[in-house]
Amino acid sequence: MEKRNEILELSFDFALKIIEYTEILEEKRKYVIARQLLKSGTSIGSNIREAQNTHSRKDFVAKCIIAMKEADETEYWLMLCLRSKSYPDPESLLPEVLSLKKILSKIIASTIKNMKS
């Protein structure tokens, strides 16, 4: 039986929600933000997935840091959507990306700590 990888599952589910939200943005002709959000929001999970197949802890941390940067960018686009009167409410996406950032931060810190031991 394969071990459950929570961050992989959460980031994949988040990417699916980002796809749905950006489709709504495109229906409302908000193409520029939709494209930026789609790229950064789906990139989080792809970088986390890539991190699972790295050859060293250093590479693992580097991929996780890239995922964190993508999550930070995604948070920025979602905040713009939230505060802009002409954009649909991103609903639960903002708390979800903040949760992903928190988990990634713990993974990065823990891995770095273990590397130093």
PDB file of N, CA and C in Angstrom:
ATOM      1  N   MET A   1       0.836  -1.192   0.000  1.00  0.00           N
ATOM      2  CA  MET A   1       0.000   0.000   0.000  1.00  0.00           C
ATOM      3  C   MET A   1       0.882   1.258   0.000  1.00  0.00           C
ATOM      4  N   GLU A   2       0.580   2.154  -0.933  1.00  0.00           N
ATOM      5  CA  GLU A   2       1.384   3.360  -1.084  1.00  0.00           C
ATOM      6  C   GLU A   2       1.046   4.373   0.004  1.00  0.00           C
ATOM      7  N   LYS A   3       2.087   5.009   0.543  1.00  0.00           N
ATOM      8  CA  LYS A   3       1.926   6.020   1.583  1.00  0.00           C
ATOM      9  C   LYS A   3       1.286   7.280   1.001  1.00  0.00           C
ATOM     10  N   ARG A   4       0.331   7.848   1.719  1.00  0.00           N
ATOM     11  CA  ARG A   4      -0.364   9.064   1.296  1.00  0.00           C
ATOM     12  C   ARG A   4       0.579  10.265   1.409  1.00  0.00           C
ATOM     13  N   ASN A   5       0.634  11.075   0.366  1.00  0.00           N
ATOM     14  CA  ASN A   5       1.462  12.274   0.362  1.00  0.00           C
ATOM     15  C   ASN A   5       0.523  13.477   0.339  1.00  0.00           C
ATOM     16  N   GLU A   6       0.289  14.040   1.522  1.00  0.00           N
ATOM     17  CA  GLU A   6      -0.700  15.102   1.697  1.00  0.00           C
ATOM     18  C   GLU A   6      -0.421  16.333   0.844  1.00  0.00           C
ATOM     19  N   ILE A   7       0.828  16.789   0.790  1.00  0.00           N
ATOM     20  CA  ILE A   7       1.135  18.000   0.034  1.00  0.00           C
ATOM     21  C   ILE A   7       0.901  17.795  -1.463  1.00  0.00           C
ATOM     22  N   LEU A   8       1.190  16.595  -1.958  1.00  0.00           N
ATOM     23  CA  LEU A   8       0.917  16.301  -3.364  1.00  0.00           C
ATOM     24  C   LEU A   8      -0.580  16.354  -3.644  1.00  0.00           C
ATOM     25  N   GLU A   9      -1.358  15.738  -2.779  1.00  0.00           N
ATOM     26  CA  GLU A   9      -2.817  15.717  -2.956  1.00  0.00           C
ATOM     27  C   GLU A   9      -3.418  17.112  -2.839  1.00  0.00           C
ATOM     28  N   LEU A  10      -2.994  17.859  -1.829  1.00  0.00           N
ATOM     29  CA  LEU A  10      -3.529  19.211  -1.627  1.00  0.00           C
ATOM     30  C   LEU A  10      -3.191  20.132  -2.796  1.00  0.00           C
ATOM     31  N   SER A  11      -1.960  20.044  -3.272  1.00  0.00           N
ATOM     32  CA  SER A  11      -1.552  20.932  -4.375  1.00  0.00           C
ATOM     33  C   SER A  11      -2.248  20.549  -5.679  1.00  0.00           C
ATOM     34  N   PHE A  12      -2.499  19.258  -5.879  1.00  0.00           N
ATOM     35  CA  PHE A  12      -3.215  18.813  -7.073  1.00  0.00           C
ATOM     36  C   PHE A  12      -4.669  19.292  -7.031  1.00  0.00           C
ATOM     37  N   ASP A  13      -5.320  19.101  -5.890  1.00  0.00           N
ATOM     38  CA  ASP A  13      -6.711  19.573  -5.737  1.00  0.00           C
ATOM     39  C   ASP A  13      -6.803  21.086  -5.902  1.00  0.00           C
ATOM     40  N   PHE A  14      -5.812  21.795  -5.368  1.00  0.00           N
ATOM     41  CA  PHE A  14      -5.777  23.249  -5.500  1.00  0.00           C
ATOM     42  C   PHE A  14      -5.647  23.647  -6.972  1.00  0.00           C
ATOM     43  N   ALA A  15      -4.799  22.951  -7.709  1.00  0.00           N
ATOM     44  CA  ALA A  15      -4.622  23.244  -9.133  1.00  0.00           C
ATOM     45  C   ALA A  15      -5.936  23.070  -9.893  1.00  0.00           C
ATOM     46  N   LEU A  16      -6.689  22.034  -9.559  1.00  0.00           N
ATOM     47  CA  LEU A  16      -7.993  21.827 -10.206  1.00  0.00           C
ATOM     48  C   LEU A  16      -8.941  22.990  -9.923  1.00  0.00           C
ATOM     49  N   LYS A  17      -8.922  23.479  -8.687  1.00  0.00           N
ATOM     50  CA  LYS A  17      -9.775  24.624  -8.326  1.00  0.00           C
ATOM     51  C   LYS A  17      -9.326  25.897  -9.045  1.00  0.00           C
ATOM     52  N   ILE A  18      -8.021  26.045  -9.205  1.00  0.00           N
ATOM     53  CA  ILE A  18      -7.483  27.198  -9.939  1.00  0.00           C
ATOM     54  C   ILE A  18      -7.956  27.152 -11.387  1.00  0.00           C
ATOM     55  N   ILE A  19      -7.926  25.969 -11.992  1.00  0.00           N
ATOM     56  CA  ILE A  19      -8.402  25.822 -13.373  1.00  0.00           C
ATOM     57  C   ILE A  19      -9.859  26.264 -13.473  1.00  0.00           C
ATOM     58  N   GLU A  20     -10.695  25.805 -12.537  1.00  0.00           N
ATOM     59  CA  GLU A  20     -12.113  26.178 -12.550  1.00  0.00           C
ATOM     60  C   GLU A  20     -12.290  27.689 -12.395  1.00  0.00           C
ATOM     61  N   TYR A  21     -11.544  28.279 -11.457  1.00  0.00           N
ATOM     62  CA  TYR A  21     -11.669  29.725 -11.231  1.00  0.00           C
ATOM     63  C   TYR A  21     -11.196  30.525 -12.441  1.00  0.00           C
ATOM     64  N   THR A  22     -10.084  30.109 -13.046  1.00  0.00           N
ATOM     65  CA  THR A  22      -9.595  30.858 -14.208  1.00  0.00           C
ATOM     66  C   THR A  22     -10.532  30.721 -15.400  1.00  0.00           C
ATOM     67  N   GLU A  23     -11.253  29.621 -15.490  1.00  0.00           N
ATOM     68  CA  GLU A  23     -12.271  29.498 -16.545  1.00  0.00           C
ATOM     69  C   GLU A  23     -13.383  30.525 -16.339  1.00  0.00           C
ATOM     70  N   ILE A  24     -13.742  30.769 -15.087  1.00  0.00           N
ATOM     71  CA  ILE A  24     -14.738  31.798 -14.771  1.00  0.00           C
ATOM     72  C   ILE A  24     -14.193  33.175 -15.161  1.00  0.00           C
ATOM     73  N   LEU A  25     -12.920  33.413 -14.836  1.00  0.00           N
ATOM     74  CA  LEU A  25     -12.298  34.697 -15.207  1.00  0.00           C
ATOM     75  C   LEU A  25     -12.315  34.893 -16.722  1.00  0.00           C
ATOM     76  N   GLU A  26     -11.999  33.843 -17.453  1.00  0.00           N
ATOM     77  CA  GLU A  26     -11.990  33.954 -18.915  1.00  0.00           C
ATOM     78  C   GLU A  26     -13.386  34.215 -19.469  1.00  0.00           C
ATOM     79  N   GLU A  27     -14.408  33.613 -18.860  1.00  0.00           N
ATOM     80  CA  GLU A  27     -15.781  33.892 -19.282  1.00  0.00           C
ATOM     81  C   GLU A  27     -16.112  35.369 -19.100  1.00  0.00           C
ATOM     82  N   LYS A  28     -15.501  35.986 -18.082  1.00  0.00           N
ATOM     83  CA  LYS A  28     -15.725  37.405 -17.811  1.00  0.00           C
ATOM     84  C   LYS A  28     -14.694  38.287 -18.517  1.00  0.00           C
ATOM     85  N   ARG A  29     -13.936  37.668 -19.417  1.00  0.00           N
ATOM     86  CA  ARG A  29     -12.953  38.359 -20.252  1.00  0.00           C
ATOM     87  C   ARG A  29     -11.814  38.984 -19.445  1.00  0.00           C
ATOM     88  N   LYS A  30     -11.436  38.334 -18.373  1.00  0.00           N
ATOM     89  CA  LYS A  30     -10.314  38.769 -17.528  1.00  0.00           C
ATOM     90  C   LYS A  30      -9.095  37.910 -17.877  1.00  0.00           C
ATOM     91  N   TYR A  31      -8.692  37.980 -19.137  1.00  0.00           N
ATOM     92  CA  TYR A  31      -7.706  37.057 -19.685  1.00  0.00           C
ATOM     93  C   TYR A  31      -6.306  37.168 -19.074  1.00  0.00           C
ATOM     94  N   VAL A  32      -5.845  38.378 -18.842  1.00  0.00           N
ATOM     95  CA  VAL A  32      -4.464  38.565 -18.381  1.00  0.00           C
ATOM     96  C   VAL A  32      -4.268  37.945 -16.997  1.00  0.00           C
ATOM     97  N   ILE A  33      -5.144  38.294 -16.066  1.00  0.00           N
ATOM     98  CA  ILE A  33      -5.028  37.742 -14.710  1.00  0.00           C
ATOM     99  C   ILE A  33      -5.303  36.241 -14.739  1.00  0.00           C
ATOM    100  N   ALA A  34      -6.263  35.810 -15.544  1.00  0.00           N
ATOM    101  CA  ALA A  34      -6.581  34.376 -15.639  1.00  0.00           C
ATOM    102  C   ALA A  34      -5.340  33.591 -16.052  1.00  0.00           C
ATOM    103  N   ARG A  35      -4.633  34.087 -17.036  1.00  0.00           N
ATOM    104  CA  ARG A  35      -3.444  33.383 -17.528  1.00  0.00           C
ATOM    105  C   ARG A  35      -2.339  33.333 -16.473  1.00  0.00           C
ATOM    106  N   GLN A  36      -2.091  34.459 -15.829  1.00  0.00           N
ATOM    107  CA  GLN A  36      -1.055  34.511 -14.785  1.00  0.00           C
ATOM    108  C   GLN A  36      -1.395  33.572 -13.628  1.00  0.00           C
ATOM    109  N   LEU A  37      -2.647  33.616 -13.220  1.00  0.00           N
ATOM    110  CA  LEU A  37      -3.106  32.782 -12.108  1.00  0.00           C
ATOM    111  C   LEU A  37      -3.065  31.300 -12.467  1.00  0.00           C
ATOM    112  N   LEU A  38      -3.445  30.974 -13.682  1.00  0.00           N
ATOM    113  CA  LEU A  38      -3.409  29.581 -14.129  1.00  0.00           C
ATOM    114  C   LEU A  38      -1.971  29.049 -14.105  1.00  0.00           C
ATOM    115  N   LYS A  39      -1.038  29.850 -14.593  1.00  0.00           N
ATOM    116  CA  LYS A  39       0.359  29.418 -14.635  1.00  0.00           C
ATOM    117  C   LYS A  39       0.941  29.234 -13.231  1.00  0.00           C
ATOM    118  N   SER A  40       0.774  30.223 -12.375  1.00  0.00           N
ATOM    119  CA  SER A  40       1.375  30.123 -11.044  1.00  0.00           C
ATOM    120  C   SER A  40       0.642  29.116 -10.161  1.00  0.00           C
ATOM    121  N   GLY A  41      -0.679  29.092 -10.252  1.00  0.00           N
ATOM    122  CA  GLY A  41      -1.462  28.204  -9.384  1.00  0.00           C
ATOM    123  C   GLY A  41      -1.295  26.734  -9.685  1.00  0.00           C
ATOM    124  N   THR A  42      -1.071  26.395 -10.942  1.00  0.00           N
ATOM    125  CA  THR A  42      -0.865  24.990 -11.288  1.00  0.00           C
ATOM    126  C   THR A  42       0.613  24.599 -11.162  1.00  0.00           C
ATOM    127  N   SER A  43       1.487  25.575 -11.192  1.00  0.00           N
ATOM    128  CA  SER A  43       2.916  25.312 -11.078  1.00  0.00           C
ATOM    129  C   SER A  43       3.321  24.875  -9.670  1.00  0.00           C
ATOM    130  N   ILE A  44       2.550  25.253  -8.680  1.00  0.00           N
ATOM    131  CA  ILE A  44       2.859  24.856  -7.303  1.00  0.00           C
ATOM    132  C   ILE A  44       2.959  23.332  -7.229  1.00  0.00           C
ATOM    133  N   GLY A  45       1.900  22.673  -7.652  1.00  0.00           N
ATOM    134  CA  GLY A  45       1.853  21.214  -7.590  1.00  0.00           C
ATOM    135  C   GLY A  45       2.865  20.540  -8.488  1.00  0.00           C
ATOM    136  N   SER A  46       3.105  21.114  -9.662  1.00  0.00           N
ATOM    137  CA  SER A  46       4.069  20.475 -10.567  1.00  0.00           C
ATOM    138  C   SER A  46       5.477  20.522  -9.983  1.00  0.00           C
ATOM    139  N   ASN A  47       5.811  21.603  -9.292  1.00  0.00           N
ATOM    140  CA  ASN A  47       7.133  21.686  -8.652  1.00  0.00           C
ATOM    141  C   ASN A  47       7.227  20.776  -7.435  1.00  0.00           C
ATOM    142  N   ILE A  48       6.149  20.635  -6.704  1.00  0.00           N
ATOM    143  CA  ILE A  48       6.136  19.710  -5.572  1.00  0.00           C
ATOM    144  C   ILE A  48       6.299  18.279  -6.078  1.00  0.00           C
ATOM    145  N   ARG A  49       5.624  17.974  -7.162  1.00  0.00           N
ATOM    146  CA  ARG A  49       5.747  16.636  -7.750  1.00  0.00           C
ATOM    147  C   ARG A  49       7.177  16.381  -8.239  1.00  0.00           C
ATOM    148  N   GLU A  50       7.768  17.378  -8.888  1.00  0.00           N
ATOM    149  CA  GLU A  50       9.160  17.246  -9.337  1.00  0.00           C
ATOM    150  C   GLU A  50      10.097  17.032  -8.161  1.00  0.00           C
ATOM    151  N   ALA A  51       9.812  17.701  -7.050  1.00  0.00           N
ATOM    152  CA  ALA A  51      10.659  17.572  -5.859  1.00  0.00           C
ATOM    153  C   ALA A  51      10.701  16.131  -5.353  1.00  0.00           C
ATOM    154  N   GLN A  52       9.650  15.376  -5.588  1.00  0.00           N
ATOM    155  CA  GLN A  52       9.588  13.989  -5.122  1.00  0.00           C
ATOM    156  C   GLN A  52      10.606  13.100  -5.823  1.00  0.00           C
ATOM    157  N   ASN A  53      11.087  13.517  -6.979  1.00  0.00           N
ATOM    158  CA  ASN A  53      11.990  12.695  -7.782  1.00  0.00           C
ATOM    159  C   ASN A  53      13.401  13.266  -7.894  1.00  0.00           C
ATOM    160  N   THR A  54      13.771  14.126  -6.979  1.00  0.00           N
ATOM    161  CA  THR A  54      15.114  14.699  -7.035  1.00  0.00           C
ATOM    162  C   THR A  54      16.133  13.700  -6.503  1.00  0.00           C
ATOM    163  N   HIS A  55      17.388  13.963  -6.824  1.00  0.00           N
ATOM    164  CA  HIS A  55      18.463  13.047  -6.440  1.00  0.00           C
ATOM    165  C   HIS A  55      19.155  13.427  -5.141  1.00  0.00           C
ATOM    166  N   SER A  56      18.824  14.585  -4.618  1.00  0.00           N
ATOM    167  CA  SER A  56      19.456  15.002  -3.363  1.00  0.00           C
ATOM    168  C   SER A  56      18.487  15.871  -2.561  1.00  0.00           C
ATOM    169  N   ARG A  57      18.793  15.982  -1.291  1.00  0.00           N
ATOM    170  CA  ARG A  57      17.969  16.856  -0.433  1.00  0.00           C
ATOM    171  C   ARG A  57      18.079  18.314  -0.859  1.00  0.00           C
ATOM    172  N   LYS A  58      19.267  18.687  -1.331  1.00  0.00           N
ATOM    173  CA  LYS A  58      19.474  20.069  -1.795  1.00  0.00           C
ATOM    174  C   LYS A  58      18.551  20.369  -2.977  1.00  0.00           C
ATOM    175  N   ASP A  59      18.464  19.441  -3.926  1.00  0.00           N
ATOM    176  CA  ASP A  59      17.563  19.618  -5.073  1.00  0.00           C
ATOM    177  C   ASP A  59      16.104  19.624  -4.621  1.00  0.00           C
ATOM    178  N   PHE A  60      15.786  18.771  -3.643  1.00  0.00           N
ATOM    179  CA  PHE A  60      14.427  18.718  -3.097  1.00  0.00           C
ATOM    180  C   PHE A  60      14.033  20.082  -2.531  1.00  0.00           C
ATOM    181  N   VAL A  61      14.926  20.646  -1.730  1.00  0.00           N
ATOM    182  CA  VAL A  61      14.661  21.966  -1.127  1.00  0.00           C
ATOM    183  C   VAL A  61      14.520  23.025  -2.212  1.00  0.00           C
ATOM    184  N   ALA A  62      15.370  22.977  -3.226  1.00  0.00           N
ATOM    185  CA  ALA A  62      15.309  23.971  -4.310  1.00  0.00           C
ATOM    186  C   ALA A  62      13.953  23.927  -5.013  1.00  0.00           C
ATOM    187  N   LYS A  63      13.452  22.721  -5.300  1.00  0.00           N
ATOM    188  CA  LYS A  63      12.144  22.589  -5.952  1.00  0.00           C
ATOM    189  C   LYS A  63      11.027  23.073  -5.031  1.00  0.00           C
ATOM    190  N   CYS A  64      11.141  22.788  -3.758  1.00  0.00           N
ATOM    191  CA  CYS A  64      10.123  23.246  -2.803  1.00  0.00           C
ATOM    192  C   CYS A  64      10.130  24.765  -2.687  1.00  0.00           C
ATOM    193  N   ILE A  65      11.302  25.365  -2.767  1.00  0.00           N
ATOM    194  CA  ILE A  65      11.396  26.827  -2.728  1.00  0.00           C
ATOM    195  C   ILE A  65      10.753  27.430  -3.975  1.00  0.00           C
ATOM    196  N   ILE A  66      10.935  26.798  -5.119  1.00  0.00           N
ATOM    197  CA  ILE A  66      10.270  27.269  -6.337  1.00  0.00           C
ATOM    198  C   ILE A  66       8.753  27.159  -6.164  1.00  0.00           C
ATOM    199  N   ALA A  67       8.282  26.049  -5.604  1.00  0.00           N
ATOM    200  CA  ALA A  67       6.844  25.881  -5.348  1.00  0.00           C
ATOM    201  C   ALA A  67       6.340  26.973  -4.412  1.00  0.00           C
ATOM    202  N   MET A  68       7.145  27.321  -3.407  1.00  0.00           N
ATOM    203  CA  MET A  68       6.765  28.384  -2.465  1.00  0.00           C
ATOM    204  C   MET A  68       6.661  29.728  -3.179  1.00  0.00           C
ATOM    205  N   LYS A  69       7.593  30.000  -4.081  1.00  0.00           N
ATOM    206  CA  LYS A  69       7.540  31.252  -4.844  1.00  0.00           C
ATOM    207  C   LYS A  69       6.297  31.306  -5.729  1.00  0.00           C
ATOM    208  N   GLU A  70       5.954  30.185  -6.326  1.00  0.00           N
ATOM    209  CA  GLU A  70       4.741  30.118  -7.151  1.00  0.00           C
ATOM    210  C   GLU A  70       3.495  30.313  -6.291  1.00  0.00           C
ATOM    211  N   ALA A  71       3.507  29.756  -5.089  1.00  0.00           N
ATOM    212  CA  ALA A  71       2.379  29.937  -4.170  1.00  0.00           C
ATOM    213  C   ALA A  71       2.256  31.402  -3.757  1.00  0.00           C
ATOM    214  N   ASP A  72       3.391  32.047  -3.548  1.00  0.00           N
ATOM    215  CA  ASP A  72       3.384  33.463  -3.186  1.00  0.00           C
ATOM    216  C   ASP A  72       2.825  34.310  -4.326  1.00  0.00           C
ATOM    217  N   GLU A  73       3.236  33.995  -5.560  1.00  0.00           N
ATOM    218  CA  GLU A  73       2.710  34.716  -6.717  1.00  0.00           C
ATOM    219  C   GLU A  73       1.206  34.472  -6.860  1.00  0.00           C
ATOM    220  N   THR A  74       0.790  33.241  -6.646  1.00  0.00           N
ATOM    221  CA  THR A  74      -0.634  32.903  -6.722  1.00  0.00           C
ATOM    222  C   THR A  74      -1.429  33.685  -5.690  1.00  0.00           C
ATOM    223  N   GLU A  75      -0.883  33.792  -4.490  1.00  0.00           N
ATOM    224  CA  GLU A  75      -1.536  34.587  -3.440  1.00  0.00           C
ATOM    225  C   GLU A  75      -1.710  36.031  -3.907  1.00  0.00           C
ATOM    226  N   TYR A  76      -0.698  36.592  -4.560  1.00  0.00           N
ATOM    227  CA  TYR A  76      -0.771  37.960  -5.068  1.00  0.00           C
ATOM    228  C   TYR A  76      -1.929  38.124  -6.054  1.00  0.00           C
ATOM    229  N   TRP A  77      -2.021  37.223  -7.045  1.00  0.00           N
ATOM    230  CA  TRP A  77      -3.085  37.321  -8.054  1.00  0.00           C
ATOM    231  C   TRP A  77      -4.459  37.151  -7.404  1.00  0.00           C
ATOM    232  N   LEU A  78      -4.557  36.242  -6.440  1.00  0.00           N
ATOM    233  CA  LEU A  78      -5.842  36.038  -5.764  1.00  0.00           C
ATOM    234  C   LEU A  78      -6.229  37.266  -4.945  1.00  0.00           C
ATOM    235  N   MET A  79      -5.253  37.911  -4.321  1.00  0.00           N
ATOM    236  CA  MET A  79      -5.542  39.140  -3.564  1.00  0.00           C
ATOM    237  C   MET A  79      -6.029  40.244  -4.506  1.00  0.00           C
ATOM    238  N   LEU A  80      -5.425  40.328  -5.683  1.00  0.00           N
ATOM    239  CA  LEU A  80      -5.897  41.307  -6.665  1.00  0.00           C
ATOM    240  C   LEU A  80      -7.353  41.033  -7.044  1.00  0.00           C
ATOM    241  N   CYS A  81      -7.657  39.771  -7.289  1.00  0.00           N
ATOM    242  CA  CYS A  81      -9.036  39.402  -7.655  1.00  0.00           C
ATOM    243  C   CYS A  81     -10.001  39.711  -6.513  1.00  0.00           C
ATOM    244  N   LEU A  82      -9.572  39.411  -5.301  1.00  0.00           N
ATOM    245  CA  LEU A  82     -10.422  39.634  -4.129  1.00  0.00           C
ATOM    246  C   LEU A  82     -10.734  41.113  -3.940  1.00  0.00           C
ATOM    247  N   ARG A  83      -9.746  41.958  -4.149  1.00  0.00           N
ATOM    248  CA  ARG A  83      -9.917  43.389  -3.880  1.00  0.00           C
ATOM    249  C   ARG A  83     -10.419  44.195  -5.069  1.00  0.00           C
ATOM    250  N   SER A  84     -10.434  43.595  -6.236  1.00  0.00           N
ATOM    251  CA  SER A  84     -10.933  44.292  -7.417  1.00  0.00           C
ATOM    252  C   SER A  84     -12.447  44.105  -7.515  1.00  0.00           C
ATOM    253  N   LYS A  85     -13.150  45.196  -7.660  1.00  0.00           N
ATOM    254  CA  LYS A  85     -14.613  45.158  -7.691  1.00  0.00           C
ATOM    255  C   LYS A  85     -15.170  44.432  -8.913  1.00  0.00           C
ATOM    256  N   SER A  86     -14.409  44.400  -9.996  1.00  0.00           N
ATOM    257  CA  SER A  86     -14.931  43.813 -11.230  1.00  0.00           C
ATOM    258  C   SER A  86     -14.554  42.339 -11.410  1.00  0.00           C
ATOM    259  N   TYR A  87     -13.925  41.743 -10.401  1.00  0.00           N
ATOM    260  CA  TYR A  87     -13.513  40.334 -10.484  1.00  0.00           C
ATOM    261  C   TYR A  87     -14.373  39.483  -9.551  1.00  0.00           C
ATOM    262  N   PRO A  88     -14.643  38.243  -9.962  1.00  0.00           N
ATOM    263  CA  PRO A  88     -15.405  37.353  -9.082  1.00  0.00           C
ATOM    264  C   PRO A  88     -14.579  36.974  -7.849  1.00  0.00           C
ATOM    265  N   ASP A  89     -15.267  36.770  -6.741  1.00  0.00           N
ATOM    266  CA  ASP A  89     -14.633  36.408  -5.478  1.00  0.00           C
ATOM    267  C   ASP A  89     -13.930  35.052  -5.617  1.00  0.00           C
ATOM    268  N   PRO A  90     -12.644  34.982  -5.265  1.00  0.00           N
ATOM    269  CA  PRO A  90     -11.942  33.712  -5.366  1.00  0.00           C
ATOM    270  C   PRO A  90     -12.306  32.721  -4.249  1.00  0.00           C
ATOM    271  N   GLU A  91     -13.282  33.065  -3.422  1.00  0.00           N
ATOM    272  CA  GLU A  91     -13.829  32.210  -2.362  1.00  0.00           C
ATOM    273  C   GLU A  91     -12.752  31.580  -1.493  1.00  0.00           C
ATOM    274  N   SER A  92     -12.682  30.269  -1.486  1.00  0.00           N
ATOM    275  CA  SER A  92     -11.785  29.571  -0.554  1.00  0.00           C
ATOM    276  C   SER A  92     -10.359  29.432  -1.078  1.00  0.00           C
ATOM    277  N   LEU A  93     -10.071  29.949  -2.248  1.00  0.00           N
ATOM    278  CA  LEU A  93      -8.735  29.757  -2.825  1.00  0.00           C
ATOM    279  C   LEU A  93      -7.635  30.436  -2.015  1.00  0.00           C
ATOM    280  N   LEU A  94      -7.917  31.602  -1.469  1.00  0.00           N
ATOM    281  CA  LEU A  94      -6.898  32.321  -0.706  1.00  0.00           C
ATOM    282  C   LEU A  94      -6.495  31.549   0.555  1.00  0.00           C
ATOM    283  N   PRO A  95      -7.431  31.091   1.378  1.00  0.00           N
ATOM    284  CA  PRO A  95      -7.016  30.288   2.539  1.00  0.00           C
ATOM    285  C   PRO A  95      -6.276  29.006   2.140  1.00  0.00           C
ATOM    286  N   GLU A  96      -6.650  28.420   1.021  1.00  0.00           N
ATOM    287  CA  GLU A  96      -5.986  27.192   0.577  1.00  0.00           C
ATOM    288  C   GLU A  96      -4.540  27.450   0.177  1.00  0.00           C
ATOM    289  N   VAL A  97      -4.281  28.536  -0.534  1.00  0.00           N
ATOM    290  CA  VAL A  97      -2.898  28.816  -0.920  1.00  0.00           C
ATOM    291  C   VAL A  97      -2.070  29.178   0.310  1.00  0.00           C
ATOM    292  N   LEU A  98      -2.680  29.849   1.280  1.00  0.00           N
ATOM    293  CA  LEU A  98      -1.961  30.161   2.521  1.00  0.00           C
ATOM    294  C   LEU A  98      -1.621  28.882   3.280  1.00  0.00           C
ATOM    295  N   SER A  99      -2.522  27.925   3.265  1.00  0.00           N
ATOM    296  CA  SER A  99      -2.272  26.634   3.892  1.00  0.00           C
ATOM    297  C   SER A  99      -1.133  25.889   3.188  1.00  0.00           C
ATOM    298  N   LEU A 100      -1.136  25.909   1.868  1.00  0.00           N
ATOM    299  CA  LEU A 100      -0.054  25.276   1.111  1.00  0.00           C
ATOM    300  C   LEU A 100       1.292  25.928   1.443  1.00  0.00           C
ATOM    301  N   LYS A 101       1.299  27.251   1.549  1.00  0.00           N
ATOM    302  CA  LYS A 101       2.531  27.954   1.881  1.00  0.00           C
ATOM    303  C   LYS A 101       3.041  27.553   3.264  1.00  0.00           C
ATOM    304  N   LYS A 102       2.122  27.402   4.196  1.00  0.00           N
ATOM    305  CA  LYS A 102       2.495  27.020   5.560  1.00  0.00           C
ATOM    306  C   LYS A 102       3.101  25.614   5.578  1.00  0.00           C
ATOM    307  N   ILE A 103       2.473  24.684   4.865  1.00  0.00           N
ATOM    308  CA  ILE A 103       2.984  23.313   4.804  1.00  0.00           C
ATOM    309  C   ILE A 103       4.353  23.290   4.115  1.00  0.00           C
ATOM    310  N   LEU A 104       4.467  23.997   3.001  1.00  0.00           N
ATOM    311  CA  LEU A 104       5.751  24.059   2.291  1.00  0.00           C
ATOM    312  C   LEU A 104       6.848  24.647   3.169  1.00  0.00           C
ATOM    313  N   SER A 105       6.517  25.672   3.906  1.00  0.00           N
ATOM    314  CA  SER A 105       7.490  26.296   4.791  1.00  0.00           C
ATOM    315  C   SER A 105       7.998  25.297   5.828  1.00  0.00           C
ATOM    316  N   LYS A 106       7.091  24.506   6.385  1.00  0.00           N
ATOM    317  CA  LYS A 106       7.480  23.494   7.375  1.00  0.00           C
ATOM    318  C   LYS A 106       8.340  22.407   6.740  1.00  0.00           C
ATOM    319  N   ILE A 107       7.987  21.989   5.526  1.00  0.00           N
ATOM    320  CA  ILE A 107       8.768  20.965   4.823  1.00  0.00           C
ATOM    321  C   ILE A 107      10.178  21.470   4.539  1.00  0.00           C
ATOM    322  N   ILE A 108      10.279  22.696   4.059  1.00  0.00           N
ATOM    323  CA  ILE A 108      11.584  23.278   3.735  1.00  0.00           C
ATOM    324  C   ILE A 108      12.433  23.400   5.003  1.00  0.00           C
ATOM    325  N   ALA A 109      11.858  23.955   6.065  1.00  0.00           N
ATOM    326  CA  ALA A 109      12.602  24.144   7.314  1.00  0.00           C
ATOM    327  C   ALA A 109      13.057  22.805   7.894  1.00  0.00           C
ATOM    328  N   SER A 110      12.176  21.835   7.885  1.00  0.00           N
ATOM    329  CA  SER A 110      12.506  20.510   8.421  1.00  0.00           C
ATOM    330  C   SER A 110      13.612  19.839   7.614  1.00  0.00           C
ATOM    331  N   THR A 111      13.526  19.940   6.292  1.00  0.00           N
ATOM    332  CA  THR A 111      14.537  19.316   5.437  1.00  0.00           C
ATOM    333  C   THR A 111      15.895  19.980   5.627  1.00  0.00           C
ATOM    334  N   ILE A 112      15.906  21.298   5.704  1.00  0.00           N
ATOM    335  CA  ILE A 112      17.165  22.013   5.921  1.00  0.00           C
ATOM    336  C   ILE A 112      17.767  21.642   7.280  1.00  0.00           C
ATOM    337  N   LYS A 113      16.913  21.549   8.284  1.00  0.00           N
ATOM    338  CA  LYS A 113      17.377  21.163   9.618  1.00  0.00           C
ATOM    339  C   LYS A 113      17.996  19.770   9.577  1.00  0.00           C
ATOM    340  N   ASN A 114      17.351  18.836   8.891  1.00  0.00           N
ATOM    341  CA  ASN A 114      17.875  17.463   8.785  1.00  0.00           C
ATOM    342  C   ASN A 114      19.166  17.408   7.971  1.00  0.00           C
ATOM    343  N   MET A 115      19.308  18.299   7.010  1.00  0.00           N
ATOM    344  CA  MET A 115      20.543  18.343   6.212  1.00  0.00           C
ATOM    345  C   MET A 115      21.727  18.758   7.067  1.00  0.00           C
ATOM    346  N   LYS A 116      21.468  19.626   8.035  1.00  0.00           N
ATOM    347  CA  LYS A 116      22.546  20.143   8.885  1.00  0.00           C
ATOM    348  C   LYS A 116      22.948  19.154   9.980  1.00  0.00           C
ATOM    349  N   SER A 117      22.057  18.191  10.258  1.00  0.00           N
ATOM    350  CA  SER A 117      22.345  17.202  11.322  1.00  0.00           C
ATOM    351  C   SER A 117      23.296  16.136  10.853  1.00  0.00           C
TER     352      SER A 117
END
